[in-house]
Amino acid sequence: MEKDTQRPENTKSLLRTDLSTAKTRARGLFLVAAFLSLVASIVLFFSGSENEGIFVGLWVPSILSLGALLAPSWRD
């Protein structure tokens, strides 16, 4: 008794689509995190916590760099 293990012909395209969607979501998540960090930095800076605002502002390039490292935009 052999199991029928036939794959649909479009399995590769479905996998590629899922991977592409995951990469897009990951990039979007990193951009949202960087934007929120920037907004928090500006709010802190102008509310009187200048040192904390500068510290949080330094997170923005770090978040974007991490996003470029973990979710690169590869072309197929």
PDB file of N, CA and C in Angstrom:
ATOM      1  N   MET A   1       0.833  -1.184   0.000  1.00  0.00           N
ATOM      2  CA  MET A   1       0.000   0.000   0.000  1.00  0.00           C
ATOM      3  C   MET A   1       0.876   1.245   0.000  1.00  0.00           C
ATOM      4  N   GLU A   2       0.967   1.862  -1.113  1.00  0.00           N
ATOM      5  CA  GLU A   2       1.749   3.080  -1.221  1.00  0.00           C
ATOM      6  C   GLU A   2       0.833   4.287  -1.119  1.00  0.00           C
ATOM      7  N   LYS A   3       1.353   5.275  -0.431  1.00  0.00           N
ATOM      8  CA  LYS A   3       0.575   6.507  -0.322  1.00  0.00           C
ATOM      9  C   LYS A   3       0.741   7.324  -1.594  1.00  0.00           C
ATOM     10  N   ASP A   4      -0.295   7.985  -1.948  1.00  0.00           N
ATOM     11  CA  ASP A   4      -0.234   8.860  -3.106  1.00  0.00           C
ATOM     12  C   ASP A   4       0.380  10.189  -2.660  1.00  0.00           C
ATOM     13  N   THR A   5       1.641  10.395  -3.031  1.00  0.00           N
ATOM     14  CA  THR A   5       2.358  11.589  -2.579  1.00  0.00           C
ATOM     15  C   THR A   5       2.636  12.531  -3.744  1.00  0.00           C
ATOM     16  N   GLN A   6       1.660  12.689  -4.587  1.00  0.00           N
ATOM     17  CA  GLN A   6       1.838  13.601  -5.706  1.00  0.00           C
ATOM     18  C   GLN A   6       1.618  15.032  -5.229  1.00  0.00           C
ATOM     19  N   ARG A   7       2.500  15.886  -5.688  1.00  0.00           N
ATOM     20  CA  ARG A   7       2.384  17.303  -5.356  1.00  0.00           C
ATOM     21  C   ARG A   7       1.713  18.022  -6.515  1.00  0.00           C
ATOM     22  N   PRO A   8       0.995  19.036  -6.191  1.00  0.00           N
ATOM     23  CA  PRO A   8       0.440  19.832  -7.286  1.00  0.00           C
ATOM     24  C   PRO A   8       1.573  20.499  -8.063  1.00  0.00           C
ATOM     25  N   GLU A   9       1.332  20.768  -9.324  1.00  0.00           N
ATOM     26  CA  GLU A   9       2.367  21.342 -10.166  1.00  0.00           C
ATOM     27  C   GLU A   9       2.763  22.750  -9.737  1.00  0.00           C
ATOM     28  N   ASN A  10       1.882  23.457  -9.096  1.00  0.00           N
ATOM     29  CA  ASN A  10       2.167  24.837  -8.734  1.00  0.00           C
ATOM     30  C   ASN A  10       2.699  24.967  -7.301  1.00  0.00           C
ATOM     31  N   THR A  11       3.237  23.911  -6.736  1.00  0.00           N
ATOM     32  CA  THR A  11       3.759  23.955  -5.368  1.00  0.00           C
ATOM     33  C   THR A  11       4.903  24.945  -5.249  1.00  0.00           C
ATOM     34  N   LYS A  12       5.802  24.942  -6.223  1.00  0.00           N
ATOM     35  CA  LYS A  12       6.931  25.860  -6.180  1.00  0.00           C
ATOM     36  C   LYS A  12       6.470  27.305  -6.236  1.00  0.00           C
ATOM     37  N   SER A  13       5.497  27.590  -7.057  1.00  0.00           N
ATOM     38  CA  SER A  13       5.026  28.968  -7.156  1.00  0.00           C
ATOM     39  C   SER A  13       4.296  29.389  -5.884  1.00  0.00           C
ATOM     40  N   LEU A  14       3.567  28.450  -5.267  1.00  0.00           N
ATOM     41  CA  LEU A  14       2.901  28.773  -4.006  1.00  0.00           C
ATOM     42  C   LEU A  14       3.912  29.037  -2.907  1.00  0.00           C
ATOM     43  N   LEU A  15       4.960  28.217  -2.862  1.00  0.00           N
ATOM     44  CA  LEU A  15       6.001  28.407  -1.865  1.00  0.00           C
ATOM     45  C   LEU A  15       6.712  29.733  -2.082  1.00  0.00           C
ATOM     46  N   ARG A  16       6.994  30.058  -3.323  1.00  0.00           N
ATOM     47  CA  ARG A  16       7.653  31.319  -3.635  1.00  0.00           C
ATOM     48  C   ARG A  16       6.763  32.498  -3.236  1.00  0.00           C
ATOM     49  N   THR A  17       5.465  32.390  -3.462  1.00  0.00           N
ATOM     50  CA  THR A  17       4.533  33.450  -3.099  1.00  0.00           C
ATOM     51  C   THR A  17       4.477  33.621  -1.581  1.00  0.00           C
ATOM     52  N   ASP A  18       4.435  32.519  -0.848  1.00  0.00           N
ATOM     53  CA  ASP A  18       4.405  32.598   0.613  1.00  0.00           C
ATOM     54  C   ASP A  18       5.684  33.214   1.152  1.00  0.00           C
ATOM     55  N   LEU A  19       6.821  32.847   0.581  1.00  0.00           N
ATOM     56  CA  LEU A  19       8.098  33.395   1.005  1.00  0.00           C
ATOM     57  C   LEU A  19       8.176  34.882   0.687  1.00  0.00           C
ATOM     58  N   SER A  20       7.686  35.260  -0.463  1.00  0.00           N
ATOM     59  CA  SER A  20       7.670  36.670  -0.859  1.00  0.00           C
ATOM     60  C   SER A  20       6.779  37.483   0.076  1.00  0.00           C
ATOM     61  N   THR A  21       5.638  36.936   0.435  1.00  0.00           N
ATOM     62  CA  THR A  21       4.736  37.614   1.362  1.00  0.00           C
ATOM     63  C   THR A  21       5.371  37.758   2.733  1.00  0.00           C
ATOM     64  N   ALA A  22       6.053  36.735   3.196  1.00  0.00           N
ATOM     65  CA  ALA A  22       6.722  36.790   4.500  1.00  0.00           C
ATOM     66  C   ALA A  22       7.825  37.838   4.499  1.00  0.00           C
ATOM     67  N   LYS A  23       8.594  37.919   3.421  1.00  0.00           N
ATOM     68  CA  LYS A  23       9.648  38.925   3.333  1.00  0.00           C
ATOM     69  C   LYS A  23       9.067  40.331   3.335  1.00  0.00           C
ATOM     70  N   THR A  24       7.974  40.511   2.608  1.00  0.00           N
ATOM     71  CA  THR A  24       7.336  41.828   2.552  1.00  0.00           C
ATOM     72  C   THR A  24       6.825  42.230   3.926  1.00  0.00           C
ATOM     73  N   ARG A  25       6.218  41.300   4.635  1.00  0.00           N
ATOM     74  CA  ARG A  25       5.721  41.591   5.984  1.00  0.00           C
ATOM     75  C   ARG A  25       6.862  41.891   6.938  1.00  0.00           C
ATOM     76  N   ALA A  26       7.961  41.156   6.825  1.00  0.00           N
ATOM     77  CA  ALA A  26       9.114  41.385   7.693  1.00  0.00           C
ATOM     78  C   ALA A  26       9.706  42.763   7.445  1.00  0.00           C
ATOM     79  N   ARG A  27       9.852  43.132   6.170  1.00  0.00           N
ATOM     80  CA  ARG A  27      10.380  44.461   5.856  1.00  0.00           C
ATOM     81  C   ARG A  27       9.457  45.539   6.385  1.00  0.00           C
ATOM     82  N   GLY A  28       8.157  45.337   6.231  1.00  0.00           N
ATOM     83  CA  GLY A  28       7.185  46.313   6.739  1.00  0.00           C
ATOM     84  C   GLY A  28       7.248  46.449   8.247  1.00  0.00           C
ATOM     85  N   LEU A  29       7.434  45.329   8.929  1.00  0.00           N
ATOM     86  CA  LEU A  29       7.531  45.356  10.385  1.00  0.00           C
ATOM     87  C   LEU A  29       8.744  46.162  10.843  1.00  0.00           C
ATOM     88  N   PHE A  30       9.878  45.966  10.180  1.00  0.00           N
ATOM     89  CA  PHE A  30      11.072  46.724  10.540  1.00  0.00           C
ATOM     90  C   PHE A  30      10.891  48.211  10.255  1.00  0.00           C
ATOM     91  N   LEU A  31      10.232  48.552   9.153  1.00  0.00           N
ATOM     92  CA  LEU A  31       9.990  49.961   8.848  1.00  0.00           C
ATOM     93  C   LEU A  31       9.056  50.604   9.862  1.00  0.00           C
ATOM     94  N   VAL A  32       8.030  49.885  10.274  1.00  0.00           N
ATOM     95  CA  VAL A  32       7.106  50.408  11.290  1.00  0.00           C
ATOM     96  C   VAL A  32       7.831  50.595  12.620  1.00  0.00           C
ATOM     97  N   ALA A  33       8.668  49.635  13.003  1.00  0.00           N
ATOM     98  CA  ALA A  33       9.425  49.756  14.254  1.00  0.00           C
ATOM     99  C   ALA A  33      10.365  50.953  14.212  1.00  0.00           C
ATOM    100  N   ALA A  34      11.024  51.176  13.081  1.00  0.00           N
ATOM    101  CA  ALA A  34      11.929  52.322  12.953  1.00  0.00           C
ATOM    102  C   ALA A  34      11.151  53.628  13.006  1.00  0.00           C
ATOM    103  N   PHE A  35      10.000  53.672  12.354  1.00  0.00           N
ATOM    104  CA  PHE A  35       9.186  54.883  12.377  1.00  0.00           C
ATOM    105  C   PHE A  35       8.677  55.185  13.783  1.00  0.00           C
ATOM    106  N   LEU A  36       8.219  54.166  14.492  1.00  0.00           N
ATOM    107  CA  LEU A  36       7.747  54.374  15.867  1.00  0.00           C
ATOM    108  C   LEU A  36       8.882  54.834  16.776  1.00  0.00           C
ATOM    109  N   SER A  37      10.073  54.313  16.550  1.00  0.00           N
ATOM    110  CA  SER A  37      11.234  54.750  17.320  1.00  0.00           C
ATOM    111  C   SER A  37      11.540  56.216  17.041  1.00  0.00           C
ATOM    112  N   LEU A  38      11.423  56.616  15.792  1.00  0.00           N
ATOM    113  CA  LEU A  38      11.652  58.020  15.437  1.00  0.00           C
ATOM    114  C   LEU A  38      10.626  58.927  16.095  1.00  0.00           C
ATOM    115  N   VAL A  39       9.370  58.534  16.054  1.00  0.00           N
ATOM    116  CA  VAL A  39       8.305  59.336  16.674  1.00  0.00           C
ATOM    117  C   VAL A  39       8.515  59.420  18.185  1.00  0.00           C
ATOM    118  N   ALA A  40       8.846  58.300  18.812  1.00  0.00           N
ATOM    119  CA  ALA A  40       9.097  58.305  20.258  1.00  0.00           C
ATOM    120  C   ALA A  40      10.293  59.190  20.596  1.00  0.00           C
ATOM    121  N   SER A  41      11.297  59.177  19.753  1.00  0.00           N
ATOM    122  CA  SER A  41      12.477  60.008  19.958  1.00  0.00           C
ATOM    123  C   SER A  41      12.123  61.489  19.916  1.00  0.00           C
ATOM    124  N   ILE A  42      11.333  61.875  18.929  1.00  0.00           N
ATOM    125  CA  ILE A  42      10.936  63.278  18.796  1.00  0.00           C
ATOM    126  C   ILE A  42      10.083  63.708  19.973  1.00  0.00           C
ATOM    127  N   VAL A  43       9.155  62.860  20.380  1.00  0.00           N
ATOM    128  CA  VAL A  43       8.286  63.184  21.522  1.00  0.00           C
ATOM    129  C   VAL A  43       9.115  63.342  22.792  1.00  0.00           C
ATOM    130  N   LEU A  44      10.025  62.412  23.030  1.00  0.00           N
ATOM    131  CA  LEU A  44      10.876  62.509  24.219  1.00  0.00           C
ATOM    132  C   LEU A  44      11.750  63.754  24.187  1.00  0.00           C
ATOM    133  N   PHE A  45      12.335  64.043  23.045  1.00  0.00           N
ATOM    134  CA  PHE A  45      13.247  65.178  22.926  1.00  0.00           C
ATOM    135  C   PHE A  45      12.533  66.491  23.221  1.00  0.00           C
ATOM    136  N   PHE A  46      11.355  66.677  22.642  1.00  0.00           N
ATOM    137  CA  PHE A  46      10.646  67.940  22.815  1.00  0.00           C
ATOM    138  C   PHE A  46       9.807  68.007  24.083  1.00  0.00           C
ATOM    139  N   SER A  47       9.697  66.913  24.806  1.00  0.00           N
ATOM    140  CA  SER A  47       8.976  66.953  26.074  1.00  0.00           C
ATOM    141  C   SER A  47       9.911  67.214  27.248  1.00  0.00           C
ATOM    142  N   GLY A  48      11.181  67.447  26.967  1.00  0.00           N
ATOM    143  CA  GLY A  48      12.124  67.787  28.022  1.00  0.00           C
ATOM    144  C   GLY A  48      13.125  66.698  28.347  1.00  0.00           C
ATOM    145  N   SER A  49      12.925  65.514  27.861  1.00  0.00           N
ATOM    146  CA  SER A  49      13.867  64.417  28.101  1.00  0.00           C
ATOM    147  C   SER A  49      14.810  64.315  26.912  1.00  0.00           C
ATOM    148  N   GLU A  50      15.679  65.307  26.780  1.00  0.00           N
ATOM    149  CA  GLU A  50      16.524  65.390  25.592  1.00  0.00           C
ATOM    150  C   GLU A  50      17.475  64.200  25.467  1.00  0.00           C
ATOM    151  N   ASN A  51      18.107  63.814  26.565  1.00  0.00           N
ATOM    152  CA  ASN A  51      19.053  62.690  26.491  1.00  0.00           C
ATOM    153  C   ASN A  51      18.357  61.384  26.116  1.00  0.00           C
ATOM    154  N   GLU A  52      17.185  61.154  26.689  1.00  0.00           N
ATOM    155  CA  GLU A  52      16.433  59.942  26.350  1.00  0.00           C
ATOM    156  C   GLU A  52      15.980  59.978  24.893  1.00  0.00           C
ATOM    157  N   GLY A  53      15.591  61.154  24.404  1.00  0.00           N
ATOM    158  CA  GLY A  53      15.188  61.297  23.010  1.00  0.00           C
ATOM    159  C   GLY A  53      16.325  60.991  22.056  1.00  0.00           C
ATOM    160  N   ILE A  54      17.518  61.471  22.397  1.00  0.00           N
ATOM    161  CA  ILE A  54      18.682  61.176  21.567  1.00  0.00           C
ATOM    162  C   ILE A  54      18.989  59.681  21.601  1.00  0.00           C
ATOM    163  N   PHE A  55      18.902  59.083  22.789  1.00  0.00           N
ATOM    164  CA  PHE A  55      19.170  57.647  22.924  1.00  0.00           C
ATOM    165  C   PHE A  55      18.204  56.818  22.087  1.00  0.00           C
ATOM    166  N   VAL A  56      16.926  57.128  22.174  1.00  0.00           N
ATOM    167  CA  VAL A  56      15.930  56.381  21.396  1.00  0.00           C
ATOM    168  C   VAL A  56      16.102  56.670  19.904  1.00  0.00           C
ATOM    169  N   GLY A  57      16.500  57.880  19.557  1.00  0.00           N
ATOM    170  CA  GLY A  57      16.747  58.222  18.157  1.00  0.00           C
ATOM    171  C   GLY A  57      17.866  57.404  17.538  1.00  0.00           C
ATOM    172  N   LEU A  58      18.811  56.974  18.357  1.00  0.00           N
ATOM    173  CA  LEU A  58      19.897  56.139  17.856  1.00  0.00           C
ATOM    174  C   LEU A  58      19.435  54.727  17.491  1.00  0.00           C
ATOM    175  N   TRP A  59      18.241  54.353  17.932  1.00  0.00           N
ATOM    176  CA  TRP A  59      17.723  53.034  17.606  1.00  0.00           C
ATOM    177  C   TRP A  59      17.322  52.931  16.138  1.00  0.00           C
ATOM    178  N   VAL A  60      16.929  54.044  15.535  1.00  0.00           N
ATOM    179  CA  VAL A  60      16.386  54.006  14.172  1.00  0.00           C
ATOM    180  C   VAL A  60      17.360  53.371  13.178  1.00  0.00           C
ATOM    181  N   PRO A  61      18.604  53.846  13.069  1.00  0.00           N
ATOM    182  CA  PRO A  61      19.499  53.185  12.110  1.00  0.00           C
ATOM    183  C   PRO A  61      19.819  51.738  12.492  1.00  0.00           C
ATOM    184  N   SER A  62      19.810  51.449  13.789  1.00  0.00           N
ATOM    185  CA  SER A  62      20.058  50.067  14.215  1.00  0.00           C
ATOM    186  C   SER A  62      18.929  49.143  13.779  1.00  0.00           C
ATOM    187  N   ILE A  63      17.706  49.599  13.920  1.00  0.00           N
ATOM    188  CA  ILE A  63      16.547  48.796  13.505  1.00  0.00           C
ATOM    189  C   ILE A  63      16.553  48.600  11.995  1.00  0.00           C
ATOM    190  N   LEU A  64      16.845  49.667  11.258  1.00  0.00           N
ATOM    191  CA  LEU A  64      16.884  49.547   9.802  1.00  0.00           C
ATOM    192  C   LEU A  64      18.014  48.632   9.338  1.00  0.00           C
ATOM    193  N   SER A  65      19.154  48.693  10.009  1.00  0.00           N
ATOM    194  CA  SER A  65      20.271  47.805   9.659  1.00  0.00           C
ATOM    195  C   SER A  65      19.930  46.352   9.955  1.00  0.00           C
ATOM    196  N   LEU A  66      19.281  46.123  11.080  1.00  0.00           N
ATOM    197  CA  LEU A  66      18.868  44.765  11.420  1.00  0.00           C
ATOM    198  C   LEU A  66      17.860  44.242  10.399  1.00  0.00           C
ATOM    199  N   GLY A  67      16.952  45.108   9.981  1.00  0.00           N
ATOM    200  CA  GLY A  67      15.988  44.713   8.960  1.00  0.00           C
ATOM    201  C   GLY A  67      16.647  44.382   7.634  1.00  0.00           C
ATOM    202  N   ALA A  68      17.667  45.162   7.251  1.00  0.00           N
ATOM    203  CA  ALA A  68      18.390  44.876   6.000  1.00  0.00           C
ATOM    204  C   ALA A  68      19.166  43.568   6.107  1.00  0.00           C
ATOM    205  N   LEU A  69      19.608  43.245   7.299  1.00  0.00           N
ATOM    206  CA  LEU A  69      20.361  42.005   7.489  1.00  0.00           C
ATOM    207  C   LEU A  69      19.446  40.785   7.504  1.00  0.00           C
ATOM    208  N   LEU A  70      18.324  40.877   8.200  1.00  0.00           N
ATOM    209  CA  LEU A  70      17.449  39.717   8.378  1.00  0.00           C
ATOM    210  C   LEU A  70      16.413  39.535   7.280  1.00  0.00           C
ATOM    211  N   ALA A  71      16.012  40.606   6.621  1.00  0.00           N
ATOM    212  CA  ALA A  71      14.995  40.515   5.570  1.00  0.00           C
ATOM    213  C   ALA A  71      15.477  41.217   4.317  1.00  0.00           C
ATOM    214  N   PRO A  72      16.533  40.698   3.698  1.00  0.00           N
ATOM    215  CA  PRO A  72      17.052  41.359   2.503  1.00  0.00           C
ATOM    216  C   PRO A  72      16.073  41.278   1.343  1.00  0.00           C
ATOM    217  N   SER A  73      16.148  42.215   0.436  1.00  0.00           N
ATOM    218  CA  SER A  73      15.244  42.223  -0.703  1.00  0.00           C
ATOM    219  C   SER A  73      15.924  41.565  -1.895  1.00  0.00           C
ATOM    220  N   TRP A  74      15.867  40.256  -1.930  1.00  0.00           N
ATOM    221  CA  TRP A  74      16.454  39.502  -3.023  1.00  0.00           C
ATOM    222  C   TRP A  74      15.529  39.551  -4.213  1.00  0.00           C
ATOM    223  N   ARG A  75      16.127  39.670  -5.365  1.00  0.00           N
ATOM    224  CA  ARG A  75      15.354  39.644  -6.609  1.00  0.00           C
ATOM    225  C   ARG A  75      15.363  38.228  -7.167  1.00  0.00           C
ATOM    226  N   ASP A  76      14.220  37.753  -7.563  1.00  0.00           N
ATOM    227  CA  ASP A  76      14.123  36.387  -8.118  1.00  0.00           C
ATOM    228  C   ASP A  76      14.463  36.380  -9.589  1.00  0.00           C
TER     229      ASP A  76
END
